[in-house]
Protein backbone atom coordinates (compact mmCIF):
# COMPACT_ATOMS: atom_id res chain seq x y z
CA UNK A 1 0.00 0.00 0.00
CA UNK A 2 2.64 2.54 1.07
CA UNK A 3 4.91 1.43 -1.78
CA UNK A 4 2.26 2.08 -4.43
CA UNK A 5 1.57 5.52 -2.93
CA UNK A 6 5.28 6.39 -3.01
CA UNK A 7 5.54 5.18 -6.59
CA UNK A 8 2.52 7.29 -7.57
CA UNK A 9 3.95 10.47 -6.02
CA UNK A 10 7.29 9.81 -7.74
CA UNK A 11 5.56 9.46 -11.10
CA UNK A 12 3.60 12.66 -10.48
CA UNK A 13 6.82 14.51 -9.67
CA UNK A 14 8.38 13.26 -12.88
CA UNK A 15 5.33 14.41 -14.83
CA UNK A 16 5.52 17.84 -13.19
CA UNK A 17 9.22 18.13 -14.06
CA UNK A 18 8.48 17.32 -17.70
CA UNK A 19 5.68 19.90 -17.79
CA UNK A 20 7.89 22.58 -16.22
CA UNK A 21 10.77 21.90 -18.63
CA UNK A 22 8.40 22.09 -21.62
CA UNK A 23 7.09 25.45 -20.37
CA UNK A 24 10.62 26.77 -19.77
CA UNK A 25 11.79 25.60 -23.22
CA UNK A 26 8.77 27.28 -24.82
CA UNK A 27 9.58 30.54 -23.01
CA UNK A 28 13.22 30.38 -24.12
CA UNK A 29 12.23 29.69 -27.73
CA UNK A 30 9.77 32.60 -27.70
CA UNK A 31 12.46 34.94 -26.34
CA UNK A 32 15.19 33.83 -28.73
CA UNK A 33 15.89 36.27 -31.61
CA UNK A 34 15.94 33.40 -34.11
CA UNK A 35 12.31 32.58 -33.32
CA UNK A 36 11.09 36.18 -33.61
CA UNK A 37 12.99 36.76 -36.89
CA UNK A 38 11.48 33.54 -38.25
CA UNK A 39 8.03 34.80 -37.34
CA UNK A 40 8.69 38.15 -39.02
CA UNK A 41 10.04 36.68 -42.26
CA UNK A 42 6.93 34.51 -42.82
PDB file of N, CA and C in Angstrom:
ATOM      1  N   UNK A   1       0.842  -1.210   0.000  1.00  0.00           N
ATOM      2  CA  UNK A   1       0.000   0.000   0.000  1.00  0.00           C
ATOM      3  C   UNK A   1       0.873   1.254   0.000  1.00  0.00           C
ATOM      4  N   UNK A   2       1.767   1.362   0.987  1.00  0.00           N
ATOM      5  CA  UNK A   2       2.641   2.540   1.068  1.00  0.00           C
ATOM      6  C   UNK A   2       3.525   2.610  -0.173  1.00  0.00           C
ATOM      7  N   UNK A   3       4.031   1.449  -0.616  1.00  0.00           N
ATOM      8  CA  UNK A   3       4.907   1.431  -1.780  1.00  0.00           C
ATOM      9  C   UNK A   3       4.213   2.008  -3.004  1.00  0.00           C
ATOM     10  N   UNK A   4       2.974   1.600  -3.243  1.00  0.00           N
ATOM     11  CA  UNK A   4       2.265   2.083  -4.433  1.00  0.00           C
ATOM     12  C   UNK A   4       2.031   3.593  -4.334  1.00  0.00           C
ATOM     13  N   UNK A   5       1.765   4.086  -3.117  1.00  0.00           N
ATOM     14  CA  UNK A   5       1.573   5.525  -2.932  1.00  0.00           C
ATOM     15  C   UNK A   5       2.865   6.277  -3.235  1.00  0.00           C
ATOM     16  N   UNK A   6       3.991   5.751  -2.748  1.00  0.00           N
ATOM     17  CA  UNK A   6       5.277   6.390  -3.012  1.00  0.00           C
ATOM     18  C   UNK A   6       5.568   6.397  -4.501  1.00  0.00           C
ATOM     19  N   UNK A   7       5.286   5.272  -5.151  1.00  0.00           N
ATOM     20  CA  UNK A   7       5.535   5.181  -6.588  1.00  0.00           C
ATOM     21  C   UNK A   7       4.683   6.206  -7.331  1.00  0.00           C
ATOM     22  N   UNK A   8       3.429   6.348  -6.916  1.00  0.00           N
ATOM     23  CA  UNK A   8       2.525   7.294  -7.574  1.00  0.00           C
ATOM     24  C   UNK A   8       3.052   8.724  -7.439  1.00  0.00           C
ATOM     25  N   UNK A   9       3.468   9.104  -6.221  1.00  0.00           N
ATOM     26  CA  UNK A   9       3.951  10.468  -6.019  1.00  0.00           C
ATOM     27  C   UNK A   9       5.227  10.703  -6.820  1.00  0.00           C
ATOM     28  N   UNK A  10       6.077   9.672  -6.935  1.00  0.00           N
ATOM     29  CA  UNK A  10       7.292   9.806  -7.741  1.00  0.00           C
ATOM     30  C   UNK A  10       6.932  10.040  -9.194  1.00  0.00           C
ATOM     31  N   UNK A  11       5.967   9.291  -9.703  1.00  0.00           N
ATOM     32  CA  UNK A  11       5.555   9.455 -11.097  1.00  0.00           C
ATOM     33  C   UNK A  11       4.969  10.846 -11.321  1.00  0.00           C
ATOM     34  N   UNK A  12       4.173  11.318 -10.368  1.00  0.00           N
ATOM     35  CA  UNK A  12       3.596  12.659 -10.482  1.00  0.00           C
ATOM     36  C   UNK A  12       4.693  13.722 -10.525  1.00  0.00           C
ATOM     37  N   UNK A  13       5.717  13.558  -9.671  1.00  0.00           N
ATOM     38  CA  UNK A  13       6.820  14.513  -9.668  1.00  0.00           C
ATOM     39  C   UNK A  13       7.514  14.515 -11.017  1.00  0.00           C
ATOM     40  N   UNK A  14       7.743  13.335 -11.576  1.00  0.00           N
ATOM     41  CA  UNK A  14       8.383  13.263 -12.880  1.00  0.00           C
ATOM     42  C   UNK A  14       7.548  13.963 -13.931  1.00  0.00           C
ATOM     43  N   UNK A  15       6.243  13.766 -13.878  1.00  0.00           N
ATOM     44  CA  UNK A  15       5.332  14.405 -14.835  1.00  0.00           C
ATOM     45  C   UNK A  15       5.394  15.920 -14.689  1.00  0.00           C
ATOM     46  N   UNK A  16       5.426  16.398 -13.441  1.00  0.00           N
ATOM     47  CA  UNK A  16       5.520  17.842 -13.187  1.00  0.00           C
ATOM     48  C   UNK A  16       6.819  18.395 -13.759  1.00  0.00           C
ATOM     49  N   UNK A  17       7.929  17.663 -13.545  1.00  0.00           N
ATOM     50  CA  UNK A  17       9.217  18.130 -14.060  1.00  0.00           C
ATOM     51  C   UNK A  17       9.177  18.246 -15.573  1.00  0.00           C
ATOM     52  N   UNK A  18       8.585  17.269 -16.242  1.00  0.00           N
ATOM     53  CA  UNK A  18       8.479  17.318 -17.700  1.00  0.00           C
ATOM     54  C   UNK A  18       7.663  18.531 -18.123  1.00  0.00           C
ATOM     55  N   UNK A  19       6.538  18.758 -17.439  1.00  0.00           N
ATOM     56  CA  UNK A  19       5.680  19.900 -17.785  1.00  0.00           C
ATOM     57  C   UNK A  19       6.429  21.212 -17.608  1.00  0.00           C
ATOM     58  N   UNK A  20       7.143  21.340 -16.475  1.00  0.00           N
ATOM     59  CA  UNK A  20       7.895  22.577 -16.221  1.00  0.00           C
ATOM     60  C   UNK A  20       8.955  22.791 -17.277  1.00  0.00           C
ATOM     61  N   UNK A  21       9.700  21.727 -17.645  1.00  0.00           N
ATOM     62  CA  UNK A  21      10.766  21.898 -18.627  1.00  0.00           C
ATOM     63  C   UNK A  21      10.197  22.275 -19.984  1.00  0.00           C
ATOM     64  N   UNK A  22       9.033  21.723 -20.345  1.00  0.00           N
ATOM     65  CA  UNK A  22       8.403  22.091 -21.623  1.00  0.00           C
ATOM     66  C   UNK A  22       8.038  23.571 -21.601  1.00  0.00           C
ATOM     67  N   UNK A  23       7.468  24.040 -20.482  1.00  0.00           N
ATOM     68  CA  UNK A  23       7.087  25.455 -20.372  1.00  0.00           C
ATOM     69  C   UNK A  23       8.326  26.341 -20.473  1.00  0.00           C
ATOM     70  N   UNK A  24       9.389  25.970 -19.762  1.00  0.00           N
ATOM     71  CA  UNK A  24      10.622  26.769 -19.772  1.00  0.00           C
ATOM     72  C   UNK A  24      11.209  26.806 -21.178  1.00  0.00           C
ATOM     73  N   UNK A  25      11.251  25.643 -21.853  1.00  0.00           N
ATOM     74  CA  UNK A  25      11.786  25.599 -23.221  1.00  0.00           C
ATOM     75  C   UNK A  25      10.959  26.485 -24.133  1.00  0.00           C
ATOM     76  N   UNK A  26       9.637  26.441 -23.983  1.00  0.00           N
ATOM     77  CA  UNK A  26       8.769  27.276 -24.824  1.00  0.00           C
ATOM     78  C   UNK A  26       9.065  28.755 -24.577  1.00  0.00           C
ATOM     79  N   UNK A  27       9.257  29.148 -23.322  1.00  0.00           N
ATOM     80  CA  UNK A  27       9.578  30.540 -23.006  1.00  0.00           C
ATOM     81  C   UNK A  27      10.899  30.947 -23.644  1.00  0.00           C
ATOM     82  N   UNK A  28      11.898  30.069 -23.551  1.00  0.00           N
ATOM     83  CA  UNK A  28      13.219  30.379 -24.118  1.00  0.00           C
ATOM     84  C   UNK A  28      13.118  30.525 -25.632  1.00  0.00           C
ATOM     85  N   UNK A  29      12.375  29.623 -26.266  1.00  0.00           N
ATOM     86  CA  UNK A  29      12.229  29.685 -27.730  1.00  0.00           C
ATOM     87  C   UNK A  29      11.537  30.984 -28.119  1.00  0.00           C
ATOM     88  N   UNK A  30      10.502  31.365 -27.385  1.00  0.00           N
ATOM     89  CA  UNK A  30       9.772  32.596 -27.704  1.00  0.00           C
ATOM     90  C   UNK A  30      10.673  33.815 -27.564  1.00  0.00           C
ATOM     91  N   UNK A  31      11.592  33.782 -26.591  1.00  0.00           N
ATOM     92  CA  UNK A  31      12.456  34.938 -26.340  1.00  0.00           C
ATOM     93  C   UNK A  31      13.624  34.996 -27.311  1.00  0.00           C
ATOM     94  N   UNK A  32      13.988  33.848 -27.894  1.00  0.00           N
ATOM     95  CA  UNK A  32      15.192  33.833 -28.727  1.00  0.00           C
ATOM     96  C   UNK A  32      14.991  34.660 -29.997  1.00  0.00           C
ATOM     97  N   UNK A  33      16.012  35.408 -30.422  1.00  0.00           N
ATOM     98  CA  UNK A  33      15.892  36.269 -31.606  1.00  0.00           C
ATOM     99  C   UNK A  33      15.628  35.461 -32.880  1.00  0.00           C
ATOM    100  N   UNK A  34      16.160  34.244 -32.932  1.00  0.00           N
ATOM    101  CA  UNK A  34      15.943  33.397 -34.111  1.00  0.00           C
ATOM    102  C   UNK A  34      14.449  33.157 -34.324  1.00  0.00           C
ATOM    103  N   UNK A  35      13.736  32.867 -33.232  1.00  0.00           N
ATOM    104  CA  UNK A  35      12.308  32.581 -33.319  1.00  0.00           C
ATOM    105  C   UNK A  35      11.542  33.806 -33.803  1.00  0.00           C
ATOM    106  N   UNK A  36      11.833  34.972 -33.239  1.00  0.00           N
ATOM    107  CA  UNK A  36      11.091  36.176 -33.612  1.00  0.00           C
ATOM    108  C   UNK A  36      11.408  36.578 -35.052  1.00  0.00           C
ATOM    109  N   UNK A  37      12.661  36.414 -35.500  1.00  0.00           N
ATOM    110  CA  UNK A  37      12.995  36.761 -36.889  1.00  0.00           C
ATOM    111  C   UNK A  37      12.312  35.783 -37.847  1.00  0.00           C
ATOM    112  N   UNK A  38      12.205  34.519 -37.433  1.00  0.00           N
ATOM    113  CA  UNK A  38      11.482  33.541 -38.250  1.00  0.00           C
ATOM    114  C   UNK A  38      10.025  33.953 -38.397  1.00  0.00           C
ATOM    115  N   UNK A  39       9.436  34.377 -37.308  1.00  0.00           N
ATOM    116  CA  UNK A  39       8.032  34.799 -37.336  1.00  0.00           C
ATOM    117  C   UNK A  39       7.860  36.006 -38.260  1.00  0.00           C
ATOM    118  N   UNK A  40       8.796  36.939 -38.225  1.00  0.00           N
ATOM    119  CA  UNK A  40       8.691  38.154 -39.017  1.00  0.00           C
ATOM    120  C   UNK A  40       8.840  37.848 -40.510  1.00  0.00           C
ATOM    121  N   UNK A  41       9.748  36.929 -40.846  1.00  0.00           N
ATOM    122  CA  UNK A  41      10.040  36.683 -42.263  1.00  0.00           C
ATOM    123  C   UNK A  41       8.893  35.961 -42.955  1.00  0.00           C
ATOM    124  N   UNK A  42       8.023  35.273 -42.186  1.00  0.00           N
ATOM    125  CA  UNK A  42       6.933  34.513 -42.817  1.00  0.00           C
ATOM    126  C   UNK A  42       5.663  35.345 -42.944  1.00  0.00           C
TER     127      UNK A  42
END
